[in-house]
N, C-alpha and C. Protein backbone atom coordinates (compact mmCIF):
# COMPACT_ATOMS: atom_id res chain seq x y z
N MET A 1 -32.09 -6.34 -23.33
CA MET A 1 -33.44 -5.17 -22.38
C MET A 1 -33.72 -5.68 -21.24
N ALA A 2 -34.01 -7.08 -20.93
CA ALA A 2 -34.75 -7.49 -19.86
C ALA A 2 -32.88 -7.21 -18.19
N LYS A 3 -32.07 -6.96 -18.88
CA LYS A 3 -30.63 -7.02 -18.49
C LYS A 3 -30.99 -5.05 -17.59
N ARG A 4 -31.10 -4.84 -18.85
CA ARG A 4 -31.11 -2.95 -18.51
C ARG A 4 -31.58 -2.42 -18.18
N LYS A 5 -33.37 -3.62 -17.42
CA LYS A 5 -34.55 -3.35 -17.07
C LYS A 5 -34.27 -3.93 -14.75
N ALA A 6 -33.36 -4.36 -15.34
CA ALA A 6 -32.53 -4.77 -14.05
C ALA A 6 -31.53 -3.74 -13.62
N GLU A 7 -30.72 -2.89 -14.34
CA GLU A 7 -30.51 -2.60 -13.73
C GLU A 7 -30.97 -1.44 -13.33
N ARG A 8 -31.59 -0.52 -14.19
CA ARG A 8 -33.12 0.55 -14.38
C ARG A 8 -33.20 0.44 -12.80
N ALA A 9 -33.25 -0.98 -12.08
CA ALA A 9 -34.79 -1.28 -11.00
C ALA A 9 -33.17 -0.52 -9.74
N THR A 10 -32.07 -1.63 -10.10
CA THR A 10 -31.21 -1.08 -9.49
C THR A 10 -30.77 -0.01 -8.91
N MET A 11 -30.93 0.63 -9.85
CA MET A 11 -30.48 2.10 -9.76
C MET A 11 -31.34 2.66 -9.46
N ALA A 12 -32.61 2.14 -9.00
CA ALA A 12 -33.32 2.82 -8.14
C ALA A 12 -33.55 3.05 -6.86
N LYS A 13 -33.63 1.66 -6.45
CA LYS A 13 -33.24 1.23 -5.31
C LYS A 13 -32.80 1.98 -4.68
N ALA A 14 -31.01 1.75 -5.58
CA ALA A 14 -29.74 2.18 -5.02
C ALA A 14 -29.99 4.34 -4.67
N LYS A 15 -30.45 5.13 -5.75
CA LYS A 15 -31.06 5.92 -4.65
C LYS A 15 -32.12 6.55 -4.51
N THR A 16 -32.91 6.07 -4.14
CA THR A 16 -33.81 5.72 -2.62
C THR A 16 -33.16 5.68 -0.92
N ALA A 17 -32.49 4.82 -1.71
CA ALA A 17 -31.47 3.35 0.11
C ALA A 17 -30.46 5.13 -0.06
N THR A 18 -29.61 4.94 -0.89
CA THR A 18 -28.58 6.80 -0.38
C THR A 18 -28.93 7.99 -0.56
N LYS A 19 -29.97 8.84 -1.39
CA LYS A 19 -31.08 9.64 -1.52
C LYS A 19 -29.88 10.45 -1.50
N THR A 20 -29.24 10.29 -2.48
CA THR A 20 -27.94 11.32 -3.35
C THR A 20 -28.52 11.12 -4.94
N ALA A 21 -27.52 12.16 -5.31
CA ALA A 21 -28.08 11.69 -6.72
C ALA A 21 -26.77 10.66 -7.61
N MET A 22 -27.50 10.13 -8.77
CA MET A 22 -27.01 9.09 -9.18
C MET A 22 -26.47 9.76 -10.86
N VAL A 23 -25.09 9.66 -10.95
CA VAL A 23 -25.17 10.12 -12.69
C VAL A 23 -24.53 9.14 -13.57
N THR A 24 -25.56 8.77 -14.46
CA THR A 24 -25.40 7.39 -15.29
C THR A 24 -24.44 7.71 -16.41
N GLN A 25 -23.76 6.54 -15.94
CA GLN A 25 -21.98 6.33 -17.02
C GLN A 25 -23.02 5.82 -18.96
N PRO A 26 -22.28 6.48 -19.31
CA PRO A 26 -22.19 6.07 -20.86
C PRO A 26 -22.13 4.33 -21.61
N GLY A 27 -22.65 4.16 -22.08
CA GLY A 27 -22.42 2.82 -22.52
C GLY A 27 -23.32 1.64 -21.35
N GLY A 28 -24.18 2.44 -20.94
CA GLY A 28 -25.07 1.52 -19.68
C GLY A 28 -24.49 0.68 -18.75
N ARG A 29 -22.76 1.50 -18.13
CA ARG A 29 -22.22 0.63 -17.69
C ARG A 29 -22.88 0.85 -15.66
N GLY A 30 -24.21 1.49 -15.72
CA GLY A 30 -24.43 1.55 -14.67
C GLY A 30 -24.01 3.63 -13.99
N ALA A 31 -24.33 3.66 -12.71
CA ALA A 31 -23.99 4.94 -12.19
C ALA A 31 -23.49 5.38 -11.49
N LEU A 32 -22.59 6.36 -10.86
CA LEU A 32 -21.95 7.17 -9.87
C LEU A 32 -22.45 7.54 -9.01
N LEU A 33 -21.97 7.93 -7.55
CA LEU A 33 -22.46 9.01 -7.23
C LEU A 33 -22.02 10.15 -7.62
N ALA A 34 -23.25 11.04 -7.09
CA ALA A 34 -22.91 12.88 -7.84
C ALA A 34 -21.67 12.93 -6.63
N GLY A 35 -20.93 14.10 -7.75
CA GLY A 35 -20.00 15.25 -6.19
C GLY A 35 -18.44 14.46 -5.64
N GLY A 36 -18.32 12.89 -6.05
CA GLY A 36 -17.34 13.03 -5.82
C GLY A 36 -15.74 14.00 -6.81
N MET A 37 -14.57 13.97 -6.22
CA MET A 37 -13.82 14.73 -7.46
C MET A 37 -12.53 12.97 -7.59
N PRO A 38 -11.58 13.13 -8.20
CA PRO A 38 -10.61 12.19 -8.65
C PRO A 38 -9.84 11.95 -7.22
N GLY A 39 -9.55 11.17 -6.56
CA GLY A 39 -9.19 10.53 -5.47
C GLY A 39 -9.59 11.35 -4.58
N ASN A 40 -11.31 12.12 -4.59
CA ASN A 40 -11.77 12.18 -3.21
C ASN A 40 -13.53 10.94 -3.27
N ALA A 41 -13.25 10.76 -1.82
CA ALA A 41 -14.18 9.66 -1.65
C ALA A 41 -15.86 9.57 -1.57
N GLY A 42 -16.11 10.66 -2.00
CA GLY A 42 -17.68 11.29 -2.02
C GLY A 42 -18.22 10.55 -3.31
N GLY A 43 -17.61 10.23 -4.52
CA GLY A 43 -18.38 9.81 -5.20
C GLY A 43 -17.86 8.32 -5.46
N GLY A 44 -18.00 7.86 -6.77
CA GLY A 44 -18.59 6.59 -6.81
C GLY A 44 -19.37 5.51 -7.25
N ARG A 45 -18.49 4.54 -6.96
CA ARG A 45 -20.05 3.22 -7.30
C ARG A 45 -20.50 3.25 -6.07
N PRO A 46 -21.78 3.24 -5.53
CA PRO A 46 -22.05 2.98 -4.00
C PRO A 46 -21.63 1.22 -3.96
N LYS A 47 -21.15 1.00 -2.25
CA LYS A 47 -20.48 -0.22 -2.50
C LYS A 47 -22.25 -1.16 -1.53
N GLU A 48 -22.56 -0.42 -1.19
CA GLU A 48 -24.07 -2.23 -1.36
C GLU A 48 -24.34 -2.42 -2.96
N ILE A 49 -24.78 -1.74 -3.83
CA ILE A 49 -25.38 -2.10 -5.03
C ILE A 49 -23.67 -3.22 -5.80
N LEU A 50 -22.38 -2.66 -5.37
CA LEU A 50 -21.74 -4.27 -5.86
C LEU A 50 -22.02 -4.76 -5.16
N ARG A 51 -21.74 -5.08 -3.98
CA ARG A 51 -22.15 -6.17 -2.63
C ARG A 51 -23.20 -7.27 -3.74
N ARG A 52 -24.55 -6.33 -3.51
CA ARG A 52 -24.88 -6.92 -3.93
C ARG A 52 -24.96 -7.83 -5.60
N ARG A 53 -24.68 -7.33 -6.41
CA ARG A 53 -24.18 -7.83 -7.38
C ARG A 53 -23.80 -8.60 -7.60
N CYS A 54 -22.99 -8.45 -6.79
CA CYS A 54 -21.53 -10.07 -6.96
C CYS A 54 -21.97 -10.80 -6.20
N ARG A 55 -23.12 -11.27 -5.25
CA ARG A 55 -24.28 -11.95 -4.91
C ARG A 55 -24.75 -12.84 -5.03
N GLU A 56 -25.52 -11.67 -6.60
CA GLU A 56 -25.90 -11.57 -7.87
C GLU A 56 -25.28 -12.79 -9.03
N GLU A 57 -24.77 -11.69 -8.81
CA GLU A 57 -23.61 -12.88 -9.79
C GLU A 57 -23.82 -14.39 -9.33
N ILE A 58 -23.08 -14.61 -8.28
CA ILE A 58 -22.34 -16.33 -7.94
C ILE A 58 -23.30 -16.33 -7.34
N GLU A 59 -25.02 -16.11 -6.92
CA GLU A 59 -25.76 -17.48 -7.38
C GLU A 59 -26.20 -17.86 -8.79
N SER A 60 -26.72 -17.00 -9.25
CA SER A 60 -26.67 -17.19 -10.82
C SER A 60 -25.50 -18.38 -11.78
N ARG A 61 -24.58 -17.50 -10.95
CA ARG A 61 -23.14 -18.52 -12.26
C ARG A 61 -23.09 -20.12 -10.97
N LYS A 62 -23.85 -20.44 -10.27
CA LYS A 62 -23.64 -21.14 -8.82
C LYS A 62 -21.61 -21.37 -8.53
N GLY A 63 -21.86 -20.30 -9.01
CA GLY A 63 -20.15 -19.99 -8.18
C GLY A 63 -19.92 -20.67 -6.67
N ILE A 64 -20.51 -20.72 -5.88
CA ILE A 64 -20.30 -21.85 -4.37
C ILE A 64 -20.40 -22.99 -5.09
N GLU A 65 -21.49 -23.16 -5.63
CA GLU A 65 -21.20 -24.68 -5.88
C GLU A 65 -20.09 -25.53 -6.40
N TYR A 66 -19.64 -23.95 -7.73
CA TYR A 66 -18.31 -24.17 -8.79
C TYR A 66 -17.06 -24.74 -7.54
N VAL A 67 -17.19 -23.67 -6.45
CA VAL A 67 -16.09 -23.84 -5.54
C VAL A 67 -15.88 -24.82 -5.06
N ALA A 68 -17.14 -25.79 -4.40
CA ALA A 68 -17.48 -26.85 -3.43
C ALA A 68 -16.58 -27.83 -4.59
N SER A 69 -16.70 -28.10 -5.59
CA SER A 69 -16.39 -29.38 -6.31
C SER A 69 -14.61 -29.08 -6.76
N VAL A 70 -13.99 -27.99 -6.54
CA VAL A 70 -12.92 -27.81 -6.81
C VAL A 70 -12.81 -27.67 -5.46
N MET A 71 -13.10 -28.19 -4.64
CA MET A 71 -12.87 -28.65 -3.56
C MET A 71 -12.98 -30.01 -2.84
N ASP A 72 -13.59 -30.57 -3.42
CA ASP A 72 -13.76 -32.08 -3.51
C ASP A 72 -12.89 -32.48 -4.75
N GLY A 73 -12.57 -31.61 -5.16
CA GLY A 73 -11.87 -32.23 -6.78
C GLY A 73 -12.76 -32.59 -8.04
N THR A 74 -13.72 -32.82 -7.72
CA THR A 74 -14.50 -32.97 -9.48
C THR A 74 -14.57 -32.11 -10.33
N ALA A 75 -14.06 -31.35 -9.35
CA ALA A 75 -13.93 -29.89 -11.56
C ALA A 75 -12.86 -30.66 -12.40
N VAL A 76 -13.09 -30.45 -13.37
CA VAL A 76 -12.23 -30.77 -14.37
C VAL A 76 -12.19 -29.20 -15.49
N GLU A 77 -10.43 -28.93 -15.58
CA GLU A 77 -10.06 -27.98 -16.30
C GLU A 77 -9.57 -28.78 -17.81
N LYS A 78 -10.14 -27.88 -18.95
CA LYS A 78 -9.73 -28.76 -20.64
C LYS A 78 -8.41 -28.02 -20.65
N VAL A 79 -7.65 -28.55 -20.12
CA VAL A 79 -5.96 -28.13 -20.47
C VAL A 79 -5.76 -28.37 -21.79
N PRO A 80 -5.04 -27.64 -23.11
CA PRO A 80 -4.82 -27.67 -24.44
C PRO A 80 -3.44 -28.45 -24.69
N VAL A 81 -3.18 -30.54 -24.71
CA VAL A 81 -1.69 -30.56 -24.73
C VAL A 81 -1.47 -30.87 -26.53
N THR A 82 -0.14 -30.70 -26.85
CA THR A 82 0.21 -31.08 -27.93
C THR A 82 0.90 -32.57 -28.31
N VAL A 83 0.09 -33.63 -29.40
CA VAL A 83 0.88 -34.66 -29.42
C VAL A 83 1.32 -34.46 -30.37
N GLY A 84 2.67 -35.86 -29.91
CA GLY A 84 2.80 -35.23 -31.34
C GLY A 84 4.72 -33.80 -32.16
N SER A 85 5.23 -34.59 -33.47
CA SER A 85 6.05 -33.26 -33.47
C SER A 85 6.30 -33.03 -35.33
N GLY A 86 6.30 -31.70 -35.27
CA GLY A 86 6.59 -31.50 -36.84
C GLY A 86 4.30 -31.61 -37.69
N LYS A 87 4.60 -32.54 -38.46
CA LYS A 87 3.72 -32.69 -39.24
C LYS A 87 2.39 -32.89 -38.91
N ASP A 88 2.82 -33.94 -38.24
CA ASP A 88 1.93 -34.67 -37.32
C ASP A 88 1.71 -34.50 -36.13
N ALA A 89 1.48 -33.32 -36.05
CA ALA A 89 1.53 -32.19 -34.36
C ALA A 89 0.43 -32.28 -33.64
N ARG A 90 -0.43 -31.90 -33.09
CA ARG A 90 -2.48 -31.78 -33.03
C ARG A 90 -2.37 -31.47 -31.59
N VAL A 91 -3.42 -31.26 -31.53
CA VAL A 91 -3.72 -30.16 -29.75
C VAL A 91 -4.75 -31.23 -29.41
N VAL A 92 -4.85 -31.50 -28.48
CA VAL A 92 -5.85 -32.51 -27.81
C VAL A 92 -5.83 -31.83 -26.69
N LEU A 93 -7.52 -32.32 -26.39
CA LEU A 93 -7.70 -31.22 -24.77
C LEU A 93 -7.81 -32.27 -24.46
N VAL A 94 -7.19 -32.18 -22.98
CA VAL A 94 -7.15 -32.62 -21.39
C VAL A 94 -8.00 -32.13 -20.45
N ASP A 95 -8.72 -33.56 -20.03
CA ASP A 95 -9.12 -33.03 -18.41
C ASP A 95 -8.46 -33.21 -17.41
N VAL A 96 -7.90 -31.77 -16.35
CA VAL A 96 -7.14 -32.36 -15.12
C VAL A 96 -7.24 -31.81 -13.78
N SER A 97 -7.44 -32.28 -13.23
CA SER A 97 -8.00 -32.23 -12.31
C SER A 97 -7.61 -31.60 -11.50
N PRO A 98 -8.20 -30.71 -9.92
CA PRO A 98 -7.49 -29.25 -9.42
C PRO A 98 -6.74 -30.18 -8.07
N LYS A 99 -5.25 -29.02 -8.73
CA LYS A 99 -4.17 -29.51 -7.65
C LYS A 99 -4.58 -29.80 -6.07
N THR A 100 -4.43 -30.23 -5.59
CA THR A 100 -3.74 -29.80 -3.55
C THR A 100 -4.14 -28.68 -3.63
N ARG A 101 -3.14 -27.52 -3.28
CA ARG A 101 -3.10 -26.59 -3.70
C ARG A 101 -4.60 -25.56 -3.83
N ASP A 102 -4.76 -25.95 -5.11
CA ASP A 102 -5.95 -25.22 -5.73
C ASP A 102 -7.05 -25.75 -4.68
N ARG A 103 -7.29 -26.82 -4.14
CA ARG A 103 -8.24 -27.52 -3.69
C ARG A 103 -8.25 -26.95 -2.15
N LEU A 104 -7.76 -27.16 -1.46
CA LEU A 104 -6.89 -26.27 0.02
C LEU A 104 -7.56 -24.96 -0.06
N TYR A 105 -6.76 -24.29 -1.58
CA TYR A 105 -7.36 -23.02 -0.92
C TYR A 105 -9.11 -22.22 -1.36
N ALA A 106 -9.13 -23.59 -2.26
CA ALA A 106 -11.23 -23.32 -1.72
C ALA A 106 -12.39 -24.13 -0.71
N TYR A 107 -10.92 -24.65 0.09
CA TYR A 107 -11.60 -25.29 1.46
C TYR A 107 -12.13 -23.25 1.85
N GLU A 108 -10.28 -23.09 2.01
CA GLU A 108 -9.90 -22.25 3.10
C GLU A 108 -11.25 -21.36 2.48
N LEU A 109 -11.60 -20.82 0.94
CA LEU A 109 -12.34 -19.66 0.22
C LEU A 109 -13.68 -20.17 1.40
N LEU A 110 -14.31 -20.70 1.26
CA LEU A 110 -15.75 -21.84 1.88
C LEU A 110 -15.91 -21.35 3.45
N MET A 111 -14.08 -21.71 3.93
CA MET A 111 -14.91 -21.74 5.39
C MET A 111 -14.75 -19.60 5.72
N ASP A 112 -14.00 -19.48 5.39
CA ASP A 112 -13.35 -17.79 5.53
C ASP A 112 -14.89 -16.64 5.23
N ARG A 113 -15.63 -17.64 4.04
CA ARG A 113 -17.01 -16.90 3.60
C ARG A 113 -18.03 -16.82 4.84
N GLY A 114 -18.48 -18.84 4.52
CA GLY A 114 -19.25 -19.84 5.67
C GLY A 114 -19.49 -19.49 6.79
N TYR A 115 -17.92 -18.93 8.04
CA TYR A 115 -17.79 -19.25 9.47
C TYR A 115 -16.79 -18.07 9.81
N GLY A 116 -16.44 -17.30 8.71
CA GLY A 116 -15.47 -15.91 8.52
C GLY A 116 -14.21 -16.49 8.89
N LYS A 117 -13.63 -14.99 8.99
CA LYS A 117 -12.39 -15.74 9.09
C LYS A 117 -11.65 -15.19 10.33
N PRO A 118 -10.95 -16.04 11.27
CA PRO A 118 -10.64 -16.38 12.81
C PRO A 118 -9.66 -15.16 12.80
N ASP A 119 -9.81 -14.49 14.29
CA ASP A 119 -9.24 -13.72 15.44
C ASP A 119 -7.52 -14.47 14.81
N GLN A 120 -7.04 -13.68 14.83
CA GLN A 120 -5.41 -13.18 14.47
C GLN A 120 -4.42 -12.24 15.52
N ALA A 121 -4.84 -14.00 16.57
CA ALA A 121 -3.96 -13.50 17.75
C ALA A 121 -2.64 -13.40 18.04
N LEU A 122 -1.78 -12.87 19.29
CA LEU A 122 -0.54 -12.54 18.49
C LEU A 122 -0.04 -13.53 19.73
N GLN A 123 1.05 -14.37 19.32
CA GLN A 123 1.07 -15.26 20.42
C GLN A 123 2.62 -14.94 20.69
N VAL A 124 3.05 -14.91 21.92
CA VAL A 124 4.84 -14.20 21.92
C VAL A 124 4.86 -16.15 22.67
N GLU A 125 6.03 -16.11 21.91
CA GLU A 125 6.96 -17.98 21.80
C GLU A 125 7.68 -17.15 23.48
N ASP A 126 8.26 -16.37 23.73
CA ASP A 126 9.32 -16.26 24.81
C ASP A 126 8.26 -15.76 25.85
N GLU A 127 8.40 -16.11 26.51
CA GLU A 127 7.16 -15.59 27.96
C GLU A 127 8.30 -15.35 28.80
N ARG A 128 9.93 -15.67 28.80
CA ARG A 128 10.74 -14.19 29.84
C ARG A 128 10.14 -12.96 29.20
N PRO A 129 9.90 -12.08 30.56
CA PRO A 129 10.41 -10.44 30.63
C PRO A 129 11.59 -9.93 29.89
N ARG A 130 11.47 -9.25 29.44
CA ARG A 130 12.39 -8.08 29.09
C ARG A 130 13.52 -7.97 30.04
N ARG A 131 14.08 -7.50 30.43
CA ARG A 131 15.31 -7.00 30.94
C ARG A 131 15.37 -5.74 30.78
N THR A 132 15.12 -4.67 31.92
CA THR A 132 15.35 -3.27 31.57
C THR A 132 16.61 -2.66 31.95
N GLY A 133 16.47 -1.42 31.13
CA GLY A 133 17.51 -0.49 30.84
C GLY A 133 18.77 -0.64 32.32
N GLU A 134 18.17 -0.31 33.27
CA GLU A 134 18.78 -0.42 34.69
C GLU A 134 19.46 -2.66 34.86
N GLU A 135 18.57 -2.84 34.63
CA GLU A 135 19.08 -4.71 34.63
C GLU A 135 19.97 -4.20 33.87
N VAL A 136 20.05 -4.09 33.09
CA VAL A 136 21.27 -4.45 32.15
C VAL A 136 22.53 -3.53 31.84
N MET A 137 22.33 -2.47 32.68
CA MET A 137 23.56 -1.36 33.06
C MET A 137 24.47 -1.45 34.23
N ALA A 138 23.45 -2.42 35.55
CA ALA A 138 23.78 -3.71 36.60
C ALA A 138 25.18 -4.30 36.09
N ASP A 139 25.02 -5.17 34.99
CA ASP A 139 25.39 -6.28 35.00
C ASP A 139 26.09 -6.01 34.38
N ILE A 140 26.98 -4.47 32.98
CA ILE A 140 27.81 -4.05 32.78
C ILE A 140 28.27 -4.02 33.15
N MET A 141 27.62 -2.92 34.79
CA MET A 141 29.35 -2.48 35.52
C MET A 141 29.51 -3.70 36.43
N GLU A 142 28.64 -4.42 36.81
CA GLU A 142 29.86 -5.63 37.46
C GLU A 142 30.34 -6.91 36.26
N MET A 143 30.28 -6.48 35.90
CA MET A 143 31.56 -7.10 34.80
C MET A 143 32.43 -6.26 34.19
N LEU A 144 32.39 -5.20 34.42
CA LEU A 144 33.25 -4.57 33.82
C LEU A 144 34.73 -3.87 34.39
N PRO A 145 34.65 -4.39 35.82
CA PRO A 145 36.02 -4.79 36.18
C PRO A 145 37.27 -6.02 36.11
N ARG A 146 36.24 -6.56 35.20
CA ARG A 146 36.58 -8.73 34.85
C ARG A 146 37.18 -8.12 33.34
N VAL A 147 37.01 -7.25 33.14
CA VAL A 147 37.15 -6.62 31.42
C VAL A 147 38.03 -6.37 31.20
N LEU A 148 38.08 -4.76 32.29
CA LEU A 148 38.76 -3.22 31.68
C LEU A 148 40.39 -4.04 31.48
N PRO A 149 40.67 -5.45 32.41
CA PRO A 149 42.31 -5.11 32.01
C PRO A 149 42.62 -6.43 30.84
N LEU A 150 41.25 -7.14 30.35
CA LEU A 150 41.64 -7.68 29.22
C LEU A 150 41.37 -6.91 27.79
N LEU A 151 41.53 -5.83 28.05
CA LEU A 151 41.35 -5.06 26.86
C LEU A 151 42.43 -4.35 26.39
N PRO A 152 43.28 -4.21 25.37
CA PRO A 152 43.99 -3.63 24.81
C PRO A 152 44.10 -2.16 25.04
N VAL A 153 43.55 -1.26 25.96
CA VAL A 153 43.54 0.31 26.68
C VAL A 153 44.45 0.41 27.34
N ASP A 154 44.70 1.63 27.46
CA ASP A 154 45.76 2.21 28.07
C ASP A 154 44.96 2.65 29.46
N ARG A 155 45.63 1.92 31.01
CA ARG A 155 44.46 2.19 32.10
C ARG A 155 44.49 4.12 31.48
N LYS A 156 45.33 5.04 31.34
CA LYS A 156 44.96 6.49 31.58
C LYS A 156 43.99 6.74 31.22
N GLU A 157 43.40 6.16 29.85
CA GLU A 157 42.93 6.18 28.62
C GLU A 157 41.55 5.77 28.98
N ILE A 158 41.77 4.63 29.98
CA ILE A 158 40.11 4.17 30.74
C ILE A 158 39.39 5.32 31.40
N ALA A 159 40.83 5.73 31.83
CA ALA A 159 40.39 6.37 33.88
C ALA A 159 40.05 7.89 32.96
N ARG A 160 40.61 8.24 31.79
CA ARG A 160 39.97 9.86 31.37
C ARG A 160 38.07 9.34 30.54
N LEU A 161 38.37 8.06 29.82
CA LEU A 161 36.93 8.11 29.20
C LEU A 161 35.78 8.14 30.81
N LEU A 162 36.23 7.41 31.82
CA LEU A 162 35.77 6.66 33.22
C LEU A 162 35.09 8.02 33.49
N GLY A 163 36.62 9.21 33.54
CA GLY A 163 36.29 11.03 34.26
C GLY A 163 34.93 11.17 33.36
N GLN A 164 35.59 11.21 32.05
CA GLN A 164 34.17 11.63 31.05
C GLN A 164 32.70 11.38 31.50
N GLN A 165 32.59 10.00 31.64
CA GLN A 165 31.58 9.60 31.94
C GLN A 165 30.56 10.21 33.26
N ARG A 166 31.69 10.17 34.38
CA ARG A 166 30.90 10.40 35.91
C ARG A 166 30.78 12.24 35.55
N ALA A 167 31.48 12.74 34.44
CA ALA A 167 31.03 14.31 34.94
C ALA A 167 30.47 14.61 33.51
N ILE A 168 29.37 13.83 32.62
CA ILE A 168 28.45 13.68 31.69
C ILE A 168 27.06 13.51 32.82
N GLU A 169 27.12 12.47 33.61
CA GLU A 169 26.75 12.31 34.49
C GLU A 169 26.23 13.57 35.14
N VAL A 170 26.45 13.89 36.64
CA VAL A 170 26.37 15.28 37.27
C VAL A 170 25.74 16.15 35.58
N LEU A 171 25.94 15.81 34.82
CA LEU A 171 25.60 17.67 34.29
C LEU A 171 24.27 17.11 33.69
N VAL A 172 24.25 15.88 33.87
CA VAL A 172 23.09 15.19 33.60
C VAL A 172 21.67 15.16 35.73
N SER A 173 22.63 15.17 36.27
CA SER A 173 21.66 14.94 36.77
C SER A 173 21.30 16.19 38.12
N GLY A 174 22.08 17.17 37.22
CA GLY A 174 22.46 18.21 38.19
C GLY A 174 22.38 19.04 39.29
N GLN A 175 23.29 17.94 40.13
CA GLN A 175 23.94 17.71 41.44
C GLN A 175 25.45 17.33 41.42
N PRO A 176 25.94 18.63 42.60
CA PRO A 176 27.39 18.64 42.58
C PRO A 176 28.07 17.34 43.83
N VAL A 177 29.19 16.63 42.67
CA VAL A 177 29.57 16.27 43.77
C VAL A 177 30.62 15.82 44.45
N LYS A 178 30.89 15.78 45.22
CA LYS A 178 31.53 15.75 46.47
C LYS A 178 31.89 15.12 46.52
N ASP A 179 34.02 14.84 47.39
CA ASP A 179 34.91 14.16 47.88
C ASP A 179 35.13 12.72 46.11
N GLY A 180 34.30 13.11 45.06
CA GLY A 180 35.33 11.49 44.15
C GLY A 180 34.67 11.34 44.20
N ARG A 181 33.75 11.41 44.82
CA ARG A 181 31.81 10.10 45.02
C ARG A 181 30.85 10.37 43.57
N SER A 182 30.67 9.06 43.50
CA SER A 182 29.65 9.40 42.34
C SER A 182 28.26 10.23 42.35
N GLY A 183 27.72 10.93 43.56
CA GLY A 183 26.73 11.85 44.13
C GLY A 183 25.85 10.70 44.77
N ASN A 184 25.45 9.53 44.52
CA ASN A 184 24.33 8.83 44.98
C ASN A 184 24.43 8.99 46.08
N GLY A 185 25.72 9.05 47.60
CA GLY A 185 25.55 9.51 49.53
C GLY A 185 25.47 7.94 48.90
N ASN A 186 26.08 7.36 48.57
CA ASN A 186 26.78 5.79 48.91
C ASN A 186 27.99 5.60 48.98
N GLY A 187 28.89 6.51 49.11
CA GLY A 187 30.48 6.36 49.06
C GLY A 187 30.72 5.50 47.51
N THR A 188 30.51 4.98 47.12
CA THR A 188 31.67 4.14 45.68
C THR A 188 31.03 5.01 45.07
N GLY A 189 32.54 4.76 44.60
CA GLY A 189 32.95 5.29 43.28
C GLY A 189 32.23 5.02 41.83
N VAL A 190 32.64 6.11 40.49
CA VAL A 190 32.61 5.39 39.23
C VAL A 190 32.43 4.03 38.74
N LEU A 191 33.02 2.59 39.60
CA LEU A 191 32.64 1.55 38.99
C LEU A 191 32.22 0.39 39.99
N GLY A 192 30.89 1.82 41.38
CA GLY A 192 30.16 0.95 42.29
C GLY A 192 31.12 0.67 43.35
N ALA A 193 33.06 0.00 43.35
CA ALA A 193 33.25 -0.04 44.25
C ALA A 193 33.97 0.87 45.68
N LYS A 194 33.87 0.72 46.89
CA LYS A 194 34.42 0.98 47.94
C LYS A 194 35.17 1.91 47.83
N ARG A 195 35.30 3.00 47.96
CA ARG A 195 36.46 3.96 48.45
C ARG A 195 37.30 3.85 49.45
């Protein structure tokens, strides 16, 4: 009975705080904001009420003290263990201390809630600047004359492919090519070699 009175008082506070209509739920399960449709954020349980209720439960059940006892390793868990076999088998409850991972997790929970989560800074391990596309292409064009003789491709086929590349460059740039040059006015051919 006292619990229902506390819930009603909480609901009254929520009604005045949010100034919206609340719809009580069957079975005394609290109330929801009116006006919401399924999948719509307009209705539902007010967040401030849920947060307040969670804080009250943690305080009344000594939740922080329990997490601290797990972190200290003083909390024990009763684990049923079967002793013996067959007709002589019996179940005995054994006290088990928290494992290291549980203690570390409890420490992490207390640190996050007490001091806040640390900022997630992006750490770049490789501080060297990345090469631009132009730099990569310049390196490729520089190595190309040395690599071409090693390729198992006919030289006429390579010349035809390079001619197609040159035609594509002319179409993209929109400038006519004079004297079979690359069109950049420096007198070099497709591979960057002087003619």
